[in-house]
C-alpha atoms as a PDB file:
ATOM      1  CA  MET A   1      63.025  98.940 135.187  1.00  0.00           C
ATOM      2  CA  LYS A   2      64.339  95.997 138.010  1.00  0.00           C
ATOM      3  CA  PHE A   3      67.187  93.379 136.642  1.00  0.00           C
ATOM      4  CA  ILE A   4      68.792  90.676 137.849  1.00  0.00           C
ATOM      5  CA  VAL A   5      72.295  89.899 136.998  1.00  0.00           C
ATOM      6  CA  PHE A   6      74.491  86.598 137.738  1.00  0.00           C
ATOM      7  CA  ALA A   7      77.505  85.034 136.022  1.00  0.00           C
ATOM      8  CA  ASP A   8      79.836  81.545 136.379  1.00  0.00           C
ATOM      9  CA  ILE A   9      77.462  79.358 137.606  1.00  0.00           C
ATOM     10  CA  HIS A  10      80.145  76.635 136.108  1.00  0.00           C
ATOM     11  CA  GLY A  11      77.863  73.786 136.382  1.00  0.00           C
ATOM     12  CA  ASN A  12      76.428  74.114 139.736  1.00  0.00           C
ATOM     13  CA  ILE A  13      73.284  73.399 139.595  1.00  0.00           C
ATOM     14  CA  GLN A  14      72.715  73.587 143.672  1.00  0.00           C
ATOM     15  CA  ALA A  15      73.912  76.869 143.701  1.00  0.00           C
ATOM     16  CA  PHE A  16      71.982  78.012 140.907  1.00  0.00           C
ATOM     17  CA  ASN A  17      68.546  76.691 142.007  1.00  0.00           C
ATOM     18  CA  SER A  18      69.331  78.492 145.093  1.00  0.00           C
ATOM     19  CA  VAL A  19      69.786  81.895 143.289  1.00  0.00           C
ATOM     20  CA  ALA A  20      66.878  80.986 141.246  1.00  0.00           C
ATOM     21  CA  ARG A  21      64.216  80.166 144.422  1.00  0.00           C
ATOM     22  CA  GLY A  22      65.476  83.904 145.524  1.00  0.00           C
ATOM     23  CA  PHE A  23      64.256  85.453 142.451  1.00  0.00           C
ATOM     24  CA  SER A  24      61.015  84.891 143.803  1.00  0.00           C
ATOM     25  CA  ARG A  25      61.837  88.304 145.938  1.00  0.00           C
ATOM     26  CA  HIS A  26      62.822  90.349 142.960  1.00  0.00           C
ATOM     27  CA  ASP A  27      59.403  89.711 140.758  1.00  0.00           C
ATOM     28  CA  LYS A  28      59.042  90.937 137.070  1.00  0.00           C
ATOM     29  CA  SER A  29      62.883  92.008 136.696  1.00  0.00           C
ATOM     30  CA  GLU A  30      64.653  91.154 133.423  1.00  0.00           C
ATOM     31  CA  ILE A  31      67.431  88.655 134.030  1.00  0.00           C
ATOM     32  CA  ILE A  32      70.918  88.883 132.493  1.00  0.00           C
ATOM     33  CA  CYS A  33      73.271  85.938 132.923  1.00  0.00           C
ATOM     34  CA  VAL A  34      77.068  87.283 132.138  1.00  0.00           C
ATOM     35  CA  GLY A  35      78.328  84.119 131.230  1.00  0.00           C
ATOM     36  CA  ASP A  36      80.093  80.784 131.948  1.00  0.00           C
ATOM     37  CA  ILE A  37      76.918  78.469 132.328  1.00  0.00           C
ATOM     38  CA  VAL A  38      79.261  75.274 132.103  1.00  0.00           C
ATOM     39  CA  GLY A  39      82.913  74.453 133.195  1.00  0.00           C
ATOM     40  CA  TYR A  40      84.259  72.669 136.468  1.00  0.00           C
ATOM     41  CA  GLY A  41      80.936  71.572 138.119  1.00  0.00           C
ATOM     42  CA  ALA A  42      78.753  68.329 137.703  1.00  0.00           C
ATOM     43  CA  ASP A  43      75.535  69.520 135.524  1.00  0.00           C
ATOM     44  CA  PRO A  44      76.127  71.561 132.578  1.00  0.00           C
ATOM     45  CA  GLU A  45      72.892  70.558 130.684  1.00  0.00           C
ATOM     46  CA  GLY A  46      70.729  71.263 133.684  1.00  0.00           C
ATOM     47  CA  CYS A  47      72.206  74.605 134.403  1.00  0.00           C
ATOM     48  CA  ILE A  48      71.777  75.619 131.041  1.00  0.00           C
ATOM     49  CA  ASP A  49      68.179  74.558 130.722  1.00  0.00           C
ATOM     50  CA  LEU A  50      67.570  75.932 134.205  1.00  0.00           C
ATOM     51  CA  VAL A  51      69.139  79.917 132.396  1.00  0.00           C
ATOM     52  CA  ARG A  52      66.782  78.833 129.391  1.00  0.00           C
ATOM     53  CA  GLU A  53      63.935  78.486 131.532  1.00  0.00           C
ATOM     54  CA  LEU A  54      64.305  81.754 133.298  1.00  0.00           C
ATOM     55  CA  GLY A  55      64.214  83.595 130.441  1.00  0.00           C
ATOM     56  CA  ALA A  56      68.105  84.861 130.799  1.00  0.00           C
ATOM     57  CA  LYS A  57      69.350  87.163 128.084  1.00  0.00           C
ATOM     58  CA  CYS A  58      72.758  85.800 128.369  1.00  0.00           C
ATOM     59  CA  VAL A  59      76.566  86.575 126.983  1.00  0.00           C
ATOM     60  CA  LEU A  60      79.164  84.047 126.202  1.00  0.00           C
ATOM     61  CA  GLY A  61      82.065  83.255 129.019  1.00  0.00           C
ATOM     62  CA  ASN A  62      84.791  81.665 127.422  1.00  0.00           C
ATOM     63  CA  HIS A  63      84.110  78.108 128.859  1.00  0.00           C
ATOM     64  CA  ASP A  64      81.122  78.070 127.230  1.00  0.00           C
ATOM     65  CA  ALA A  65      83.286  79.075 123.973  1.00  0.00           C
ATOM     66  CA  ALA A  66      85.769  76.600 125.018  1.00  0.00           C
ATOM     67  CA  LEU A  67      82.888  73.922 124.872  1.00  0.00           C
ATOM     68  CA  VAL A  68      81.809  75.267 121.722  1.00  0.00           C
ATOM     69  CA  LYS A  69      85.380  75.493 120.167  1.00  0.00           C
ATOM     70  CA  LYS A  70      85.560  78.969 120.025  1.00  0.00           C
ATOM     71  CA  VAL A  71      88.560  78.858 122.795  1.00  0.00           C
ATOM     72  CA  ASP A  72      91.536  76.515 122.806  1.00  0.00           C
ATOM     73  CA  ILE A  73      91.477  74.887 126.052  1.00  0.00           C
ATOM     74  CA  THR A  74      95.082  74.794 126.154  1.00  0.00           C
ATOM     75  CA  ARG A  75      94.771  77.986 127.644  1.00  0.00           C
ATOM     76  CA  PHE A  76      93.023  76.515 130.297  1.00  0.00           C
ATOM     77  CA  ASN A  77      94.664  75.200 133.550  1.00  0.00           C
ATOM     78  CA  GLN A  78      94.513  71.284 133.791  1.00  0.00           C
ATOM     79  CA  TYR A  79      91.663  70.685 135.965  1.00  0.00           C
ATOM     80  CA  ALA A  80      89.448  73.336 133.959  1.00  0.00           C
ATOM     81  CA  ALA A  81      90.557  71.750 130.542  1.00  0.00           C
ATOM     82  CA  GLN A  82      89.291  68.310 132.258  1.00  0.00           C
ATOM     83  CA  ALA A  83      86.284  69.853 132.843  1.00  0.00           C
ATOM     84  CA  ILE A  84      85.910  70.812 129.611  1.00  0.00           C
ATOM     85  CA  LEU A  85      86.858  67.144 128.227  1.00  0.00           C
ATOM     86  CA  TRP A  86      84.282  65.677 130.411  1.00  0.00           C
ATOM     87  CA  THR A  87      81.369  68.611 129.477  1.00  0.00           C
ATOM     88  CA  GLU A  88      82.083  67.710 125.709  1.00  0.00           C
ATOM     89  CA  LYS A  89      80.611  63.936 126.292  1.00  0.00           C
ATOM     90  CA  ASN A  90      77.679  64.808 128.849  1.00  0.00           C
ATOM     91  CA  ILE A  91      75.995  67.883 126.695  1.00  0.00           C
ATOM     92  CA  SER A  92      73.504  67.433 124.415  1.00  0.00           C
ATOM     93  CA  GLN A  93      73.712  69.118 120.885  1.00  0.00           C
ATOM     94  CA  ARG A  94      70.720  71.263 121.943  1.00  0.00           C
ATOM     95  CA  GLY A  95      72.822  72.336 124.775  1.00  0.00           C
ATOM     96  CA  LEU A  96      76.094  72.842 122.637  1.00  0.00           C
ATOM     97  CA  ASP A  97      73.922  74.887 119.754  1.00  0.00           C
ATOM     98  CA  TYR A  98      72.352  77.474 122.640  1.00  0.00           C
ATOM     99  CA  LEU A  99      75.971  78.106 123.758  1.00  0.00           C
ATOM    100  CA  ASP A 100      77.427  78.563 120.054  1.00  0.00           C
ATOM    101  CA  GLY A 101      74.059  80.865 119.575  1.00  0.00           C
ATOM    102  CA  LEU A 102      75.341  83.616 122.411  1.00  0.00           C
ATOM    103  CA  ASP A 103      77.145  86.727 121.745  1.00  0.00           C
ATOM    104  CA  LEU A 104      80.126  88.553 123.093  1.00  0.00           C
ATOM    105  CA  VAL A 105      78.184  91.819 124.247  1.00  0.00           C
ATOM    106  CA  PHE A 106      74.710  92.419 124.928  1.00  0.00           C
ATOM    107  CA  GLY A 107      73.704  95.999 125.494  1.00  0.00           C
ATOM    108  CA  ASN A 108      70.454  97.973 126.736  1.00  0.00           C
ATOM    109  CA  GLU A 109      69.531 101.261 127.297  1.00  0.00           C
ATOM    110  CA  TYR A 110      70.593 100.999 130.543  1.00  0.00           C
ATOM    111  CA  PHE A 111      73.678  98.748 130.836  1.00  0.00           C
ATOM    112  CA  ASP A 112      76.499  96.561 128.600  1.00  0.00           C
ATOM    113  CA  VAL A 113      77.566  93.198 129.717  1.00  0.00           C
ATOM    114  CA  VAL A 114      80.244  91.335 128.870  1.00  0.00           C
ATOM    115  CA  HIS A 115      82.034  88.168 130.545  1.00  0.00           C
ATOM    116  CA  GLY A 116      86.031  89.638 130.828  1.00  0.00           C
ATOM    117  CA  SER A 117      86.530  93.154 129.345  1.00  0.00           C
ATOM    118  CA  LEU A 118      84.446  95.242 127.127  1.00  0.00           C
ATOM    119  CA  ASN A 119      87.575  96.843 124.977  1.00  0.00           C
ATOM    120  CA  ASP A 120      88.422  93.230 123.713  1.00  0.00           C
ATOM    121  CA  PRO A 121      85.528  90.525 124.845  1.00  0.00           C
ATOM    122  CA  GLU A 122      86.915  87.884 122.470  1.00  0.00           C
ATOM    123  CA  ARG A 123      89.795  87.480 124.315  1.00  0.00           C
ATOM    124  CA  PHE A 124      88.439  86.853 127.774  1.00  0.00           C
ATOM    125  CA  GLU A 125      90.720  89.150 129.931  1.00  0.00           C
ATOM    126  CA  TYR A 126      90.532  89.872 133.425  1.00  0.00           C
ATOM    127  CA  LEU A 127      89.621  92.554 134.061  1.00  0.00           C
ATOM    128  CA  LEU A 128      91.538  93.057 138.166  1.00  0.00           C
ATOM    129  CA  ASP A 129      92.455  96.694 138.978  1.00  0.00           C
ATOM    130  CA  LYS A 130      92.392 100.212 138.053  1.00  0.00           C
ATOM    131  CA  THR A 131      94.411  99.841 134.837  1.00  0.00           C
ATOM    132  CA  ASP A 132      92.106  96.600 133.182  1.00  0.00           C
ATOM    133  CA  ALA A 133      88.832  99.178 134.221  1.00  0.00           C
ATOM    134  CA  ARG A 134      90.354 102.375 132.202  1.00  0.00           C
ATOM    135  CA  ARG A 135      90.766 100.307 129.163  1.00  0.00           C
ATOM    136  CA  THR A 136      86.698  99.308 129.419  1.00  0.00           C
ATOM    137  CA  PHE A 137      85.859 102.827 130.385  1.00  0.00           C
ATOM    138  CA  LYS A 138      87.400 103.919 127.546  1.00  0.00           C
ATOM    139  CA  VAL A 139      84.968 102.394 124.858  1.00  0.00           C
ATOM    140  CA  LEU A 140      81.965 102.330 127.839  1.00  0.00           C
ATOM    141  CA  LYS A 141      79.017 104.347 126.754  1.00  0.00           C
ATOM    142  CA  GLN A 142      76.370 103.210 128.756  1.00  0.00           C
ATOM    143  CA  LYS A 143      76.540 104.303 132.770  1.00  0.00           C
ATOM    144  CA  ILE A 144      77.414 100.718 133.817  1.00  0.00           C
ATOM    145  CA  CYS A 145      79.345  97.679 132.347  1.00  0.00           C
ATOM    146  CA  PHE A 146      78.641  94.486 134.089  1.00  0.00           C
ATOM    147  CA  VAL A 147      81.361  92.092 133.985  1.00  0.00           C
ATOM    148  CA  ALA A 148      82.611  88.683 135.381  1.00  0.00           C
ATOM    149  CA  HIS A 149      85.153  86.095 135.029  1.00  0.00           C
ATOM    150  CA  THR A 150      87.147  86.823 138.341  1.00  0.00           C
ATOM    151  CA  HIS A 151      84.252  85.245 140.204  1.00  0.00           C
ATOM    152  CA  ILE A 152      85.103  88.050 142.882  1.00  0.00           C
ATOM    153  CA  PRO A 153      82.588  90.804 143.064  1.00  0.00           C
ATOM    154  CA  MET A 154      83.908  94.094 143.166  1.00  0.00           C
ATOM    155  CA  VAL A 155      83.134  97.616 141.426  1.00  0.00           C
ATOM    156  CA  PHE A 156      85.329 100.071 139.329  1.00  0.00           C
ATOM    157  CA  SER A 157      84.322 103.844 139.372  1.00  0.00           C
ATOM    158  CA  TYR A 158      85.341 106.357 136.784  1.00  0.00           C
ATOM    159  CA  SER A 159      85.115 110.315 137.533  1.00  0.00           C
ATOM    160  CA  LYS A 160      86.561 113.083 137.073  1.00  0.00           C
ATOM    161  CA  CYS A 161      89.153 111.101 134.560  1.00  0.00           C
ATOM    162  CA  LEU A 162      89.995 109.075 137.799  1.00  0.00           C
ATOM    163  CA  VAL A 163      89.543 105.373 138.347  1.00  0.00           C
ATOM    164  CA  GLU A 164      88.607 104.044 141.619  1.00  0.00           C
ATOM    165  CA  ARG A 165      88.206 100.168 142.842  1.00  0.00           C
ATOM    166  CA  LEU A 166      85.612  99.703 145.354  1.00  0.00           C
ATOM    167  CA  PRO A 167      84.276  96.525 147.266  1.00  0.00           C
ATOM    168  CA  GLY A 168      81.802  94.267 145.847  1.00  0.00           C
ATOM    169  CA  LYS A 169      78.539  96.126 148.216  1.00  0.00           C
ATOM    170  CA  THR A 170      75.610  97.594 148.027  1.00  0.00           C
ATOM    171  CA  PHE A 171      75.769 101.118 146.842  1.00  0.00           C
ATOM    172  CA  ILE A 172      73.797 104.465 144.874  1.00  0.00           C
ATOM    173  CA  LEU A 173      75.489 105.100 141.603  1.00  0.00           C
ATOM    174  CA  ASP A 174      76.770 108.995 141.311  1.00  0.00           C
ATOM    175  CA  LYS A 175      75.544 110.699 138.823  1.00  0.00           C
ATOM    176  CA  ASP A 176      78.523 111.884 137.595  1.00  0.00           C
ATOM    177  CA  ALA A 177      80.102 108.773 137.737  1.00  0.00           C
ATOM    178  CA  ARG A 178      79.851 105.452 135.545  1.00  0.00           C
ATOM    179  CA  TYR A 179      80.500 101.944 136.814  1.00  0.00           C
ATOM    180  CA  VAL A 180      81.961  98.132 136.138  1.00  0.00           C
ATOM    181  CA  VAL A 181      80.441  95.822 138.467  1.00  0.00           C
ATOM    182  CA  ASN A 182      81.814  92.261 138.660  1.00  0.00           C
ATOM    183  CA  VAL A 183      78.851  90.566 139.846  1.00  0.00           C
ATOM    184  CA  GLY A 184      80.544  87.730 141.378  1.00  0.00           C
ATOM    185  CA  SER A 185      79.747  84.076 140.920  1.00  0.00           C
ATOM    186  CA  VAL A 186      76.962  81.635 141.188  1.00  0.00           C
ATOM    187  CA  GLY A 187      78.864  78.527 141.537  1.00  0.00           C
ATOM    188  CA  GLN A 188      82.279  79.084 141.926  1.00  0.00           C
ATOM    189  CA  PRO A 189      83.128  82.238 144.283  1.00  0.00           C
ATOM    190  CA  ARG A 190      86.654  82.927 144.431  1.00  0.00           C
ATOM    191  CA  ASP A 191      86.504  85.789 147.619  1.00  0.00           C
ATOM    192  CA  ASN A 192      86.483  83.022 150.485  1.00  0.00           C
ATOM    193  CA  ASP A 193      83.161  83.236 150.261  1.00  0.00           C
ATOM    194  CA  PRO A 194      81.731  79.938 149.537  1.00  0.00           C
ATOM    195  CA  ARG A 195      77.697  81.877 149.190  1.00  0.00           C
ATOM    196  CA  ALA A 196      76.549  81.906 145.741  1.00  0.00           C
ATOM    197  CA  CYS A 197      76.597  85.399 144.395  1.00  0.00           C
ATOM    198  CA  TYR A 198      74.324  87.584 142.515  1.00  0.00           C
ATOM    199  CA  CYS A 199      73.552  91.323 141.939  1.00  0.00           C
ATOM    200  CA  THR A 200      70.294  93.277 141.072  1.00  0.00           C
ATOM    201  CA  TYR A 201      70.008  96.498 139.424  1.00  0.00           C
ATOM    202  CA  ASP A 202      66.894  98.858 140.243  1.00  0.00           C
ATOM    203  CA  THR A 203      67.132 102.098 137.169  1.00  0.00           C
ATOM    204  CA  ASP A 204      64.751 103.973 139.789  1.00  0.00           C
ATOM    205  CA  LYS A 205      66.484 103.680 142.970  1.00  0.00           C
ATOM    206  CA  GLN A 206      69.693 103.627 140.796  1.00  0.00           C
ATOM    207  CA  GLU A 207      71.166 101.050 143.266  1.00  0.00           C
ATOM    208  CA  VAL A 208      73.531  98.194 142.440  1.00  0.00           C
ATOM    209  CA  SER A 209      72.906  95.749 144.841  1.00  0.00           C
ATOM    210  CA  PHE A 210      74.913  92.426 145.742  1.00  0.00           C
ATOM    211  CA  HIS A 211      73.193  89.493 147.421  1.00  0.00           C
ATOM    212  CA  ARG A 212      74.289  86.076 148.653  1.00  0.00           C
ATOM    213  CA  LEU A 213      72.957  82.963 149.422  1.00  0.00           C
ATOM    214  CA  GLU A 214      73.589  80.047 151.415  1.00  0.00           C
ATOM    215  CA  TYR A 215      73.281  76.427 149.280  1.00  0.00           C
ATOM    216  CA  ASP A 216      73.993  72.695 149.642  1.00  0.00           C
ATOM    217  CA  VAL A 217      78.010  73.038 148.836  1.00  0.00           C
ATOM    218  CA  GLU A 218      78.660  69.696 150.020  1.00  0.00           C
ATOM    219  CA  ALA A 219      75.895  68.117 147.621  1.00  0.00           C
ATOM    220  CA  ALA A 220      77.757  70.110 144.646  1.00  0.00           C
ATOM    221  CA  ARG A 221      81.597  68.915 145.538  1.00  0.00           C
ATOM    222  CA  ASP A 222      79.894  65.469 145.838  1.00  0.00           C
ATOM    223  CA  ALA A 223      78.621  65.744 142.355  1.00  0.00           C
ATOM    224  CA  ILE A 224      81.292  67.035 140.919  1.00  0.00           C
ATOM    225  CA  LEU A 225      83.685  64.028 142.579  1.00  0.00           C
ATOM    226  CA  LYS A 226      81.146  61.296 141.676  1.00  0.00           C
ATOM    227  CA  GLU A 227      81.407  62.211 137.971  1.00  0.00           C
ATOM    228  CA  GLY A 228      85.166  61.849 138.342  1.00  0.00           C
ATOM    229  CA  LEU A 229      86.121  65.561 137.921  1.00  0.00           C
ATOM    230  CA  PRO A 230      88.741  66.724 139.587  1.00  0.00           C
ATOM    231  CA  VAL A 231      88.639  66.939 143.071  1.00  0.00           C
ATOM    232  CA  SER A 232      89.829  70.642 143.194  1.00  0.00           C
ATOM    233  CA  ASN A 233      86.507  71.416 141.363  1.00  0.00           C
ATOM    234  CA  GLY A 234      85.096  70.188 144.227  1.00  0.00           C
ATOM    235  CA  ASN A 235      86.773  71.082 147.491  1.00  0.00           C
ATOM    236  CA  ARG A 236      87.203  74.852 146.541  1.00  0.00           C
ATOM    237  CA  LEU A 237      83.565  75.246 146.599  1.00  0.00           C
ATOM    238  CA  ILE A 238      84.108  74.485 150.704  1.00  0.00           C
ATOM    239  CA  TYR A 239      86.465  77.330 151.071  1.00  0.00           C
ATOM    240  CA  GLY A 240      84.781  79.839 148.492  1.00  0.00           C
ATOM    241  CA  GLN A 241      88.287  79.576 146.577  1.00  0.00           C
END
C-alpha cells in the first residue's frame, strides 16, 4: 500500500498545484492531509476544492478550526488572526461546512494522523522535542503517527524506551521502533527551504520518503499582497520561514 501525506497548505494554491501535479508519480496512492488547508494564504476556497478533488482524507488543523469557531483566534498572532478574519469573508458556506466536518484524528491499520499531538489533539500543541514526542508515543498504538503544525519536517523514533530526534529525510522503518513523522508544509515551509514539502509512505518497502518541489513562490506572495493580507504572510514564503 502507498500513501501520500501532506499538510499546512495554508491557502497557497500555487504550492498546492505544484505538489498535486507531482502526485501522478505516485499512482494508486491513498492521499492524506494532516490539516490546515486554510490560513495565511490568498486562495482558501481553491485549496479546499483541490483537497476534495484529490479525494484526500483530512484531519482538522488549528487554522481550519479557528475558521469554524472551534478555536479562539485570540490564541493566534496578529498576522494569523488577520488572515482568518479575511478568510471568513472570502470562503463559501460549502467550504466552511467541509472544514466543520473534519475530525481531529484519523487512523487506519498502518498509522494515526493528527495535526498537533496525539495525546491532546484538541489543544493543537506543537510537537517540537523529545519530551513532546514521548507524550504522543505513550498513546500511539500504531507503527507511525503523522503530524504537522510546526511546518518543519522531522522524525522522532521510539525504541527500547528511548526517544530520538532524526532529520526529516527518507528512511526505512526499523521493525522494533515506532515513529512520529512531521510531514513539513506544502504552503508555508519554515525550515529555510521555500520549496513545498510532502511525504510518501510505502508499506511494502517500509519506507517513508520526504519530497521537495519548486513552485512559483513570487506568484503566491503577490496574490497575498493583492488581497491586502499581511505583507509578512507573503514575504516569509520567499525565505521558507
